PDB file of all heavy atoms in Angstrom:
ATOM      1  N   VAL A   1     124.533 106.664  91.344  1.00  0.00           N
ATOM      2  CA  VAL A   1     124.999 106.472  92.710  1.00  0.00           C
ATOM      3  C   VAL A   1     124.056 107.173  93.691  1.00  0.00           C
ATOM      4  O   VAL A   1     123.717 106.634  94.748  1.00  0.00           O
ATOM      5  CB  VAL A   1     126.441 106.985  92.874  1.00  0.00           C
ATOM      6  CG1 VAL A   1     126.854 107.086  94.312  1.00  0.00           C
ATOM      7  CG2 VAL A   1     127.397 106.064  92.120  1.00  0.00           C
ATOM      8  N   THR A   2     123.608 108.386  93.347  1.00  0.00           N
ATOM      9  CA  THR A   2     122.695 109.113  94.211  1.00  0.00           C
ATOM     10  C   THR A   2     121.369 108.345  94.350  1.00  0.00           C
ATOM     11  O   THR A   2     120.841 108.234  95.465  1.00  0.00           O
ATOM     12  CB  THR A   2     122.413 110.515  93.658  1.00  0.00           C
ATOM     13  OG1 THR A   2     123.650 111.199  93.481  1.00  0.00           O
ATOM     14  CG2 THR A   2     121.517 111.305  94.575  1.00  0.00           C
ATOM     15  N   GLY A   3     120.873 107.828  93.250  1.00  0.00           N
ATOM     16  CA  GLY A   3     119.621 107.052  93.327  1.00  0.00           C
ATOM     17  C   GLY A   3     119.780 105.795  94.144  1.00  0.00           C
ATOM     18  O   GLY A   3     118.896 105.438  94.915  1.00  0.00           O
ATOM     19  N   THR A   4     120.916 105.116  93.992  1.00  0.00           N
ATOM     20  CA  THR A   4     121.152 103.907  94.769  1.00  0.00           C
ATOM     21  C   THR A   4     121.286 104.223  96.261  1.00  0.00           C
ATOM     22  O   THR A   4     120.778 103.463  97.101  1.00  0.00           O
ATOM     23  CB  THR A   4     122.440 103.212  94.273  1.00  0.00           C
ATOM     24  OG1 THR A   4     122.309 102.957  92.866  1.00  0.00           O
ATOM     25  CG2 THR A   4     122.694 101.906  94.996  1.00  0.00           C
ATOM     26  N   MET A   5     121.952 105.331  96.569  1.00  0.00           N
ATOM     27  CA  MET A   5     122.066 105.708  97.970  1.00  0.00           C
ATOM     28  C   MET A   5     120.722 106.066  98.600  1.00  0.00           C
ATOM     29  O   MET A   5     120.442 105.689  99.731  1.00  0.00           O
ATOM     30  CB  MET A   5     123.058 106.881  98.121  1.00  0.00           C
ATOM     31  CG  MET A   5     124.486 106.493  97.887  1.00  0.00           C
ATOM     32  SD  MET A   5     125.646 107.877  97.899  1.00  0.00           S
ATOM     33  CE  MET A   5     125.241 108.716  99.369  1.00  0.00           C
ATOM     34  N   VAL A   6     119.893 106.783  97.866  1.00  0.00           N
ATOM     35  CA  VAL A   6     118.572 107.136  98.371  1.00  0.00           C
ATOM     36  C   VAL A   6     117.721 105.880  98.550  1.00  0.00           C
ATOM     37  O   VAL A   6     116.993 105.732  99.531  1.00  0.00           O
ATOM     38  CB  VAL A   6     117.889 108.167  97.443  1.00  0.00           C
ATOM     39  CG1 VAL A   6     116.417 108.344  97.800  1.00  0.00           C
ATOM     40  CG2 VAL A   6     118.630 109.485  97.514  1.00  0.00           C
ATOM     41  N   ALA A   7     117.811 104.961  97.593  1.00  0.00           N
ATOM     42  CA  ALA A   7     117.041 103.707  97.710  1.00  0.00           C
ATOM     43  C   ALA A   7     117.530 102.891  98.894  1.00  0.00           C
ATOM     44  O   ALA A   7     116.738 102.317  99.649  1.00  0.00           O
ATOM     45  CB  ALA A   7     117.161 102.899  96.416  1.00  0.00           C
ATOM     46  N   GLY A   8     118.848 102.826  99.102  1.00  0.00           N
ATOM     47  CA  GLY A   8     119.390 102.079 100.238  1.00  0.00           C
ATOM     48  C   GLY A   8     119.010 102.714 101.555  1.00  0.00           C
ATOM     49  O   GLY A   8     118.709 102.033 102.541  1.00  0.00           O
ATOM     50  N   LEU A   9     119.035 104.052 101.594  1.00  0.00           N
ATOM     51  CA  LEU A   9     118.667 104.762 102.812  1.00  0.00           C
ATOM     52  C   LEU A   9     117.185 104.561 103.148  1.00  0.00           C
ATOM     53  O   LEU A   9     116.820 104.346 104.301  1.00  0.00           O
ATOM     54  CB  LEU A   9     118.983 106.241 102.668  1.00  0.00           C
ATOM     55  CG  LEU A   9     118.787 107.102 103.885  1.00  0.00           C
ATOM     56  CD1 LEU A   9     119.746 106.662 105.001  1.00  0.00           C
ATOM     57  CD2 LEU A   9     119.029 108.546 103.544  1.00  0.00           C
ATOM     58  N   SER A  10     116.347 104.619 102.115  1.00  0.00           N
ATOM     59  CA  SER A  10     114.930 104.396 102.378  1.00  0.00           C
ATOM     60  C   SER A  10     114.651 102.946 102.777  1.00  0.00           C
ATOM     61  O   SER A  10     113.765 102.680 103.595  1.00  0.00           O
ATOM     62  CB  SER A  10     114.097 104.789 101.149  1.00  0.00           C
ATOM     63  OG  SER A  10     114.436 103.976 100.051  1.00  0.00           O
ATOM     64  N   ALA A  11     115.432 102.019 102.229  1.00  0.00           N
ATOM     65  CA  ALA A  11     115.257 100.613 102.637  1.00  0.00           C
ATOM     66  C   ALA A  11     115.671 100.424 104.088  1.00  0.00           C
ATOM     67  O   ALA A  11     115.046  99.658 104.829  1.00  0.00           O
ATOM     68  CB  ALA A  11     116.080  99.710 101.719  1.00  0.00           C
ATOM     69  N   ALA A  12     116.725 101.116 104.506  1.00  0.00           N
ATOM     70  CA  ALA A  12     117.165 100.999 105.879  1.00  0.00           C
ATOM     71  C   ALA A  12     116.203 101.669 106.854  1.00  0.00           C
ATOM     72  O   ALA A  12     115.955 101.162 107.940  1.00  0.00           O
ATOM     73  CB  ALA A  12     118.556 101.618 106.030  1.00  0.00           C
ATOM     74  N   ILE A  13     115.632 102.798 106.449  1.00  0.00           N
ATOM     75  CA  ILE A  13     114.692 103.497 107.308  1.00  0.00           C
ATOM     76  C   ILE A  13     113.410 102.703 107.479  1.00  0.00           C
ATOM     77  O   ILE A  13     112.889 102.541 108.616  1.00  0.00           O
ATOM     78  CB  ILE A  13     114.390 104.911 106.747  1.00  0.00           C
ATOM     79  CG1 ILE A  13     115.605 105.805 106.918  1.00  0.00           C
ATOM     80  CG2 ILE A  13     113.193 105.529 107.436  1.00  0.00           C
ATOM     81  CD1 ILE A  13     115.473 107.148 106.248  1.00  0.00           C
ATOM     82  N   PHE A  14     112.882 102.172 106.398  1.00  0.00           N
ATOM     83  CA  PHE A  14     111.625 101.418 106.460  1.00  0.00           C
ATOM     84  C   PHE A  14     111.808  99.959 106.770  1.00  0.00           C
ATOM     85  O   PHE A  14     110.839  99.211 106.859  1.00  0.00           O
ATOM     86  CB  PHE A  14     110.833 101.599 105.171  1.00  0.00           C
ATOM     87  CG  PHE A  14     110.437 103.014 104.908  1.00  0.00           C
ATOM     88  CD1 PHE A  14     110.799 103.650 103.740  1.00  0.00           C
ATOM     89  CD2 PHE A  14     109.693 103.724 105.841  1.00  0.00           C
ATOM     90  CE1 PHE A  14     110.424 104.963 103.509  1.00  0.00           C
ATOM     91  CE2 PHE A  14     109.302 105.029 105.620  1.00  0.00           C
ATOM     92  CZ  PHE A  14     109.677 105.657 104.444  1.00  0.00           C
ATOM     93  N   SER A  15     113.064  99.522 106.897  1.00  0.00           N
ATOM     94  CA  SER A  15     113.434  98.122 107.180  1.00  0.00           C
ATOM     95  C   SER A  15     112.746  97.127 106.271  1.00  0.00           C
ATOM     96  O   SER A  15     112.077  96.184 106.723  1.00  0.00           O
ATOM     97  CB  SER A  15     113.221  97.778 108.655  1.00  0.00           C
ATOM     98  OG  SER A  15     111.845  97.833 108.968  1.00  0.00           O
ATOM     99  N   VAL A  16     112.891  97.369 104.983  1.00  0.00           N
ATOM    100  CA  VAL A  16     112.370  96.459 103.950  1.00  0.00           C
ATOM    101  C   VAL A  16     113.542  96.076 103.053  1.00  0.00           C
ATOM    102  O   VAL A  16     114.596  96.711 103.081  1.00  0.00           O
ATOM    103  CB  VAL A  16     111.268  97.159 103.083  1.00  0.00           C
ATOM    104  CG1 VAL A  16     110.049  97.447 103.939  1.00  0.00           C
ATOM    105  CG2 VAL A  16     111.779  98.391 102.416  1.00  0.00           C
ATOM    106  N   PRO A  17     113.432  95.020 102.273  1.00  0.00           N
ATOM    107  CA  PRO A  17     114.515  94.636 101.371  1.00  0.00           C
ATOM    108  C   PRO A  17     114.815  95.737 100.340  1.00  0.00           C
ATOM    109  O   PRO A  17     113.931  96.513  99.958  1.00  0.00           O
ATOM    110  CB  PRO A  17     113.987  93.375 100.670  1.00  0.00           C
ATOM    111  CG  PRO A  17     112.976  92.820 101.603  1.00  0.00           C
ATOM    112  CD  PRO A  17     112.358  93.999 102.288  1.00  0.00           C
ATOM    113  N   PHE A  18     116.040  95.778  99.920  1.00  0.00           N
ATOM    114  CA  PHE A  18     116.493  96.834  98.997  1.00  0.00           C
ATOM    115  C   PHE A  18     115.730  96.823  97.680  1.00  0.00           C
ATOM    116  O   PHE A  18     115.440  97.886  97.119  1.00  0.00           O
ATOM    117  CB  PHE A  18     117.999  96.653  98.743  1.00  0.00           C
ATOM    118  CG  PHE A  18     118.553  97.647  97.763  1.00  0.00           C
ATOM    119  CD1 PHE A  18     118.779  98.957  98.146  1.00  0.00           C
ATOM    120  CD2 PHE A  18     118.856  97.277  96.466  1.00  0.00           C
ATOM    121  CE1 PHE A  18     119.286  99.881  97.246  1.00  0.00           C
ATOM    122  CE2 PHE A  18     119.366  98.189  95.567  1.00  0.00           C
ATOM    123  CZ  PHE A  18     119.572  99.494  95.952  1.00  0.00           C
ATOM    124  N   LEU A  19     115.392  95.637  97.201  1.00  0.00           N
ATOM    125  CA  LEU A  19     114.706  95.538  95.893  1.00  0.00           C
ATOM    126  C   LEU A  19     113.337  96.220  95.894  1.00  0.00           C
ATOM    127  O   LEU A  19     112.864  96.658  94.860  1.00  0.00           O
ATOM    128  CB  LEU A  19     114.570  94.079  95.482  1.00  0.00           C
ATOM    129  CG  LEU A  19     115.881  93.407  95.045  1.00  0.00           C
ATOM    130  CD1 LEU A  19     115.610  91.952  94.710  1.00  0.00           C
ATOM    131  CD2 LEU A  19     116.462  94.110  93.867  1.00  0.00           C
ATOM    132  N   PHE A  20     112.693  96.311  97.063  1.00  0.00           N
ATOM    133  CA  PHE A  20     111.410  96.999  97.139  1.00  0.00           C
ATOM    134  C   PHE A  20     111.573  98.516  96.984  1.00  0.00           C
ATOM    135  O   PHE A  20     110.596  99.201  96.669  1.00  0.00           O
ATOM    136  CB  PHE A  20     110.696  96.675  98.433  1.00  0.00           C
ATOM    137  CG  PHE A  20     110.241  95.251  98.525  1.00  0.00           C
ATOM    138  CD1 PHE A  20     110.241  94.589  99.744  1.00  0.00           C
ATOM    139  CD2 PHE A  20     109.791  94.558  97.429  1.00  0.00           C
ATOM    140  CE1 PHE A  20     109.822  93.289  99.849  1.00  0.00           C
ATOM    141  CE2 PHE A  20     109.362  93.254  97.506  1.00  0.00           C
ATOM    142  CZ  PHE A  20     109.379  92.607  98.724  1.00  0.00           C
ATOM    143  N   CYS A  21     112.755  99.030  97.284  1.00  0.00           N
ATOM    144  CA  CYS A  21     112.984 100.471  97.215  1.00  0.00           C
ATOM    145  C   CYS A  21     113.724 100.915  95.962  1.00  0.00           C
ATOM    146  O   CYS A  21     114.029 102.100  95.834  1.00  0.00           O
ATOM    147  CB  CYS A  21     113.752 100.917  98.452  1.00  0.00           C
ATOM    148  SG  CYS A  21     112.805 100.731  99.967  1.00  0.00           S
ATOM    149  N   VAL A  22     114.008 100.012  95.059  1.00  0.00           N
ATOM    150  CA  VAL A  22     114.692 100.379  93.832  1.00  0.00           C
ATOM    151  C   VAL A  22     113.906 101.396  93.001  1.00  0.00           C
ATOM    152  O   VAL A  22     114.516 102.297  92.415  1.00  0.00           O
ATOM    153  CB  VAL A  22     115.061  99.121  93.030  1.00  0.00           C
ATOM    154  CG1 VAL A  22     115.512  99.457  91.629  1.00  0.00           C
ATOM    155  CG2 VAL A  22     116.140  98.348  93.738  1.00  0.00           C
ATOM    156  N   PRO A  23     112.582 101.328  92.929  1.00  0.00           N
ATOM    157  CA  PRO A  23     111.853 102.356  92.157  1.00  0.00           C
ATOM    158  C   PRO A  23     112.076 103.793  92.651  1.00  0.00           C
ATOM    159  O   PRO A  23     111.848 104.738  91.916  1.00  0.00           O
ATOM    160  CB  PRO A  23     110.383 101.961  92.290  1.00  0.00           C
ATOM    161  CG  PRO A  23     110.442 100.498  92.493  1.00  0.00           C
ATOM    162  CD  PRO A  23     111.666 100.254  93.304  1.00  0.00           C
ATOM    163  N   VAL A  24     112.525 103.949  93.901  1.00  0.00           N
ATOM    164  CA  VAL A  24     112.822 105.285  94.416  1.00  0.00           C
ATOM    165  C   VAL A  24     114.011 105.876  93.647  1.00  0.00           C
ATOM    166  O   VAL A  24     114.107 107.100  93.506  1.00  0.00           O
ATOM    167  CB  VAL A  24     113.133 105.209  95.928  1.00  0.00           C
ATOM    168  CG1 VAL A  24     113.577 106.530  96.471  1.00  0.00           C
ATOM    169  CG2 VAL A  24     111.904 104.712  96.667  1.00  0.00           C
ATOM    170  N   ALA A  25     114.885 105.042  93.115  1.00  0.00           N
ATOM    171  CA  ALA A  25     116.091 105.524  92.407  1.00  0.00           C
ATOM    172  C   ALA A  25     115.791 105.963  90.985  1.00  0.00           C
ATOM    173  O   ALA A  25     116.602 106.668  90.377  1.00  0.00           O
ATOM    174  CB  ALA A  25     117.155 104.420  92.418  1.00  0.00           C
ATOM    175  N   PHE A  26     114.664 105.539  90.408  1.00  0.00           N
ATOM    176  CA  PHE A  26     114.377 105.845  89.028  1.00  0.00           C
ATOM    177  C   PHE A  26     114.334 107.327  88.692  1.00  0.00           C
ATOM    178  O   PHE A  26     114.848 107.736  87.652  1.00  0.00           O
ATOM    179  CB  PHE A  26     113.075 105.180  88.577  1.00  0.00           C
ATOM    180  CG  PHE A  26     113.165 103.676  88.469  1.00  0.00           C
ATOM    181  CD1 PHE A  26     112.038 102.901  88.571  1.00  0.00           C
ATOM    182  CD2 PHE A  26     114.405 103.033  88.290  1.00  0.00           C
ATOM    183  CE1 PHE A  26     112.109 101.519  88.478  1.00  0.00           C
ATOM    184  CE2 PHE A  26     114.479 101.663  88.193  1.00  0.00           C
ATOM    185  CZ  PHE A  26     113.336 100.906  88.274  1.00  0.00           C
ATOM    186  N   PRO A  27     113.751 108.202  89.532  1.00  0.00           N
ATOM    187  CA  PRO A  27     113.783 109.634  89.178  1.00  0.00           C
ATOM    188  C   PRO A  27     115.192 110.220  89.111  1.00  0.00           C
ATOM    189  O   PRO A  27     115.472 111.071  88.266  1.00  0.00           O
ATOM    190  CB  PRO A  27     112.963 110.297  90.275  1.00  0.00           C
ATOM    191  CG  PRO A  27     112.093 109.229  90.818  1.00  0.00           C
ATOM    192  CD  PRO A  27     112.877 107.960  90.671  1.00  0.00           C
ATOM    193  N   PHE A  28     116.073 109.773  89.997  1.00  0.00           N
ATOM    194  CA  PHE A  28     117.444 110.287  89.986  1.00  0.00           C
ATOM    195  C   PHE A  28     118.193 109.816  88.751  1.00  0.00           C
ATOM    196  O   PHE A  28     118.911 110.619  88.116  1.00  0.00           O
ATOM    197  CB  PHE A  28     118.182 109.834  91.253  1.00  0.00           C
ATOM    198  CG  PHE A  28     117.602 110.385  92.509  1.00  0.00           C
ATOM    199  CD1 PHE A  28     116.717 109.680  93.265  1.00  0.00           C
ATOM    200  CD2 PHE A  28     117.954 111.663  92.913  1.00  0.00           C
ATOM    201  CE1 PHE A  28     116.164 110.195  94.433  1.00  0.00           C
ATOM    202  CE2 PHE A  28     117.439 112.226  94.067  1.00  0.00           C
ATOM    203  CZ  PHE A  28     116.529 111.481  94.824  1.00  0.00           C
ATOM    204  N   VAL A  29     118.029 108.565  88.390  1.00  0.00           N
ATOM    205  CA  VAL A  29     118.697 108.048  87.199  1.00  0.00           C
ATOM    206  C   VAL A  29     118.087 108.687  85.951  1.00  0.00           C
ATOM    207  O   VAL A  29     118.800 109.050  85.009  1.00  0.00           O
ATOM    208  CB  VAL A  29     118.572 106.511  87.153  1.00  0.00           C
ATOM    209  CG1 VAL A  29     119.148 105.962  85.870  1.00  0.00           C
ATOM    210  CG2 VAL A  29     119.257 105.874  88.352  1.00  0.00           C
ATOM    211  N   GLY A  30     116.776 108.876  85.943  1.00  0.00           N
ATOM    212  CA  GLY A  30     116.123 109.516  84.792  1.00  0.00           C
ATOM    213  C   GLY A  30     116.555 110.972  84.624  1.00  0.00           C
ATOM    214  O   GLY A  30     116.792 111.421  83.489  1.00  0.00           O
ATOM    215  N   ALA A  31     116.667 111.703  85.720  1.00  0.00           N
ATOM    216  CA  ALA A  31     117.113 113.084  85.630  1.00  0.00           C
ATOM    217  C   ALA A  31     118.549 113.160  85.149  1.00  0.00           C
ATOM    218  O   ALA A  31     118.895 114.028  84.324  1.00  0.00           O
ATOM    219  CB  ALA A  31     116.983 113.773  86.998  1.00  0.00           C
ATOM    220  N   ALA A  32     119.398 112.278  85.629  1.00  0.00           N
ATOM    221  CA  ALA A  32     120.786 112.267  85.182  1.00  0.00           C
ATOM    222  C   ALA A  32     120.893 111.908  83.704  1.00  0.00           C
ATOM    223  O   ALA A  32     121.694 112.511  82.955  1.00  0.00           O
ATOM    224  CB  ALA A  32     121.619 111.303  86.010  1.00  0.00           C
ATOM    225  N   ALA A  33     120.099 110.952  83.283  1.00  0.00           N
ATOM    226  CA  ALA A  33     120.111 110.560  81.856  1.00  0.00           C
ATOM    227  C   ALA A  33     119.591 111.695  80.989  1.00  0.00           C
ATOM    228  O   ALA A  33     120.136 111.961  79.906  1.00  0.00           O
ATOM    229  CB  ALA A  33     119.265 109.320  81.652  1.00  0.00           C
ATOM    230  N   TYR A  34     118.542 112.376  81.434  1.00  0.00           N
ATOM    231  CA  TYR A  34     118.025 113.499  80.643  1.00  0.00           C
ATOM    232  C   TYR A  34     119.059 114.619  80.537  1.00  0.00           C
ATOM    233  O   TYR A  34     119.284 115.147  79.439  1.00  0.00           O
ATOM    234  CB  TYR A  34     116.747 114.043  81.289  1.00  0.00           C
ATOM    235  CG  TYR A  34     116.153 115.204  80.532  1.00  0.00           C
ATOM    236  CD1 TYR A  34     115.427 114.987  79.368  1.00  0.00           C
ATOM    237  CD2 TYR A  34     116.331 116.505  80.952  1.00  0.00           C
ATOM    238  CE1 TYR A  34     114.892 116.031  78.656  1.00  0.00           C
ATOM    239  CE2 TYR A  34     115.795 117.573  80.249  1.00  0.00           C
ATOM    240  CZ  TYR A  34     115.067 117.323  79.108  1.00  0.00           C
ATOM    241  OH  TYR A  34     114.559 118.386  78.416  1.00  0.00           O
ATOM    242  N   LEU A  35     119.687 114.976  81.654  1.00  0.00           N
ATOM    243  CA  LEU A  35     120.704 116.032  81.629  1.00  0.00           C
ATOM    244  C   LEU A  35     121.927 115.648  80.805  1.00  0.00           C
ATOM    245  O   LEU A  35     122.626 116.498  80.298  1.00  0.00           O
ATOM    246  CB  LEU A  35     121.109 116.404  83.048  1.00  0.00           C
ATOM    247  CG  LEU A  35     120.048 117.125  83.875  1.00  0.00           C
ATOM    248  CD1 LEU A  35     120.542 117.313  85.306  1.00  0.00           C
ATOM    249  CD2 LEU A  35     119.678 118.439  83.253  1.00  0.00           C
ATOM    250  N   THR A  36     122.177 114.345  80.695  1.00  0.00           N
ATOM    251  CA  THR A  36     123.337 113.897  79.956  1.00  0.00           C
ATOM    252  C   THR A  36     123.058 113.766  78.450  1.00  0.00           C
ATOM    253  O   THR A  36     123.854 114.194  77.623  1.00  0.00           O
ATOM    254  CB  THR A  36     123.817 112.532  80.484  1.00  0.00           C
ATOM    255  OG1 THR A  36     124.126 112.673  81.867  1.00  0.00           O
ATOM    256  CG2 THR A  36     125.040 112.054  79.751  1.00  0.00           C
ATOM    257  N   PHE A  37     121.916 113.189  78.077  1.00  0.00           N
ATOM    258  CA  PHE A  37     121.651 112.867  76.679  1.00  0.00           C
ATOM    259  C   PHE A  37     120.916 113.946  75.911  1.00  0.00           C
ATOM    260  O   PHE A  37     120.990 113.997  74.694  1.00  0.00           O
ATOM    261  CB  PHE A  37     120.892 111.554  76.575  1.00  0.00           C
ATOM    262  CG  PHE A  37     121.677 110.368  77.059  1.00  0.00           C
ATOM    263  CD1 PHE A  37     121.137 109.493  78.002  1.00  0.00           C
ATOM    264  CD2 PHE A  37     122.952 110.132  76.586  1.00  0.00           C
ATOM    265  CE1 PHE A  37     121.864 108.418  78.464  1.00  0.00           C
ATOM    266  CE2 PHE A  37     123.687 109.045  77.045  1.00  0.00           C
ATOM    267  CZ  PHE A  37     123.142 108.195  77.984  1.00  0.00           C
ATOM    268  N   LYS A  38     120.189 114.818  76.580  1.00  0.00           N
ATOM    269  CA  LYS A  38     119.462 115.885  75.906  1.00  0.00           C
ATOM    270  C   LYS A  38     120.459 116.946  75.445  1.00  0.00           C
ATOM    271  O   LYS A  38     121.231 117.473  76.231  1.00  0.00           O
ATOM    272  CB  LYS A  38     118.427 116.488  76.838  1.00  0.00           C
ATOM    273  CG  LYS A  38     117.695 117.683  76.302  1.00  0.00           C
ATOM    274  CD  LYS A  38     116.817 117.324  75.156  1.00  0.00           C
ATOM    275  CE  LYS A  38     116.051 118.582  74.703  1.00  0.00           C
ATOM    276  NZ  LYS A  38     115.539 118.450  73.394  1.00  0.00           N
ATOM    277  N   ARG A  39     120.450 117.243  74.161  1.00  0.00           N
ATOM    278  CA  ARG A  39     121.344 118.251  73.593  1.00  0.00           C
ATOM    279  C   ARG A  39     120.610 119.584  73.428  1.00  0.00           C
ATOM    280  O   ARG A  39     119.443 119.615  73.034  1.00  0.00           O
ATOM    281  CB  ARG A  39     121.860 117.820  72.240  1.00  0.00           C
ATOM    282  CG  ARG A  39     122.614 116.526  72.283  1.00  0.00           C
ATOM    283  CD  ARG A  39     123.933 116.692  72.927  1.00  0.00           C
ATOM    284  NE  ARG A  39     124.653 115.441  72.947  1.00  0.00           N
ATOM    285  CZ  ARG A  39     125.736 115.256  73.654  1.00  0.00           C
ATOM    286  NH1 ARG A  39     126.213 116.203  74.389  1.00  0.00           N
ATOM    287  NH2 ARG A  39     126.345 114.092  73.646  1.00  0.00           N
ATOM    288  N   VAL A  40     121.307 120.658  73.747  1.00  0.00           N
ATOM    289  CA  VAL A  40     120.763 122.001  73.611  1.00  0.00           C
ATOM    290  C   VAL A  40     121.632 122.771  72.621  1.00  0.00           C
ATOM    291  O   VAL A  40     122.857 122.764  72.733  1.00  0.00           O
ATOM    292  CB  VAL A  40     120.760 122.742  74.977  1.00  0.00           C
ATOM    293  CG1 VAL A  40     120.307 124.165  74.825  1.00  0.00           C
ATOM    294  CG2 VAL A  40     119.893 121.992  75.967  1.00  0.00           C
ATOM    295  N   LYS A  41     120.975 123.403  71.657  1.00  0.00           N
ATOM    296  CA  LYS A  41     121.699 124.211  70.695  1.00  0.00           C
ATOM    297  C   LYS A  41     121.456 125.662  71.040  1.00  0.00           C
ATOM    298  O   LYS A  41     120.352 126.195  70.884  1.00  0.00           O
ATOM    299  CB  LYS A  41     121.259 123.931  69.276  1.00  0.00           C
ATOM    300  CG  LYS A  41     122.047 124.679  68.236  1.00  0.00           C
ATOM    301  CD  LYS A  41     121.666 124.290  66.832  1.00  0.00           C
ATOM    302  CE  LYS A  41     122.547 125.036  65.858  1.00  0.00           C
ATOM    303  NZ  LYS A  41     122.187 124.724  64.475  1.00  0.00           N
ATOM    304  N   LYS A  42     122.472 126.320  71.556  1.00  0.00           N
ATOM    305  CA  LYS A  42     122.351 127.708  71.998  1.00  0.00           C
ATOM    306  C   LYS A  42     123.532 128.508  71.459  1.00  0.00           C
ATOM    307  O   LYS A  42     124.678 128.134  71.695  1.00  0.00           O
ATOM    308  CB  LYS A  42     122.317 127.765  73.524  1.00  0.00           C
ATOM    309  CG  LYS A  42     121.861 129.072  74.080  1.00  0.00           C
ATOM    310  CD  LYS A  42     120.402 129.289  73.823  1.00  0.00           C
ATOM    311  CE  LYS A  42     119.939 130.477  74.587  1.00  0.00           C
ATOM    312  NZ  LYS A  42     118.545 130.772  74.327  1.00  0.00           N
ATOM    313  N   ALA A  43     123.259 129.558  70.727  1.00  0.00           N
ATOM    314  CA  ALA A  43     124.278 130.459  70.165  1.00  0.00           C
ATOM    315  C   ALA A  43     125.259 129.675  69.290  1.00  0.00           C
ATOM    316  O   ALA A  43     126.465 129.940  69.318  1.00  0.00           O
ATOM    317  CB  ALA A  43     124.999 131.191  71.290  1.00  0.00           C
ATOM    318  N   GLY A  44     124.779 128.722  68.515  1.00  0.00           N
ATOM    319  CA  GLY A  44     125.622 127.977  67.601  1.00  0.00           C
ATOM    320  C   GLY A  44     126.421 126.859  68.226  1.00  0.00           C
ATOM    321  O   GLY A  44     127.176 126.191  67.518  1.00  0.00           O
TER     322      GLY A  44
END
């Protein structure tokens, strides 16, 4: 949702179609996926 909102906001600011700004959302989705799927083993 954060990535989609940033992409939509950047599309509105630069007045371009939303699909051109979708790559802006990739870092947010990637960070969320990393924080969700990466497992840490600490103190058992």
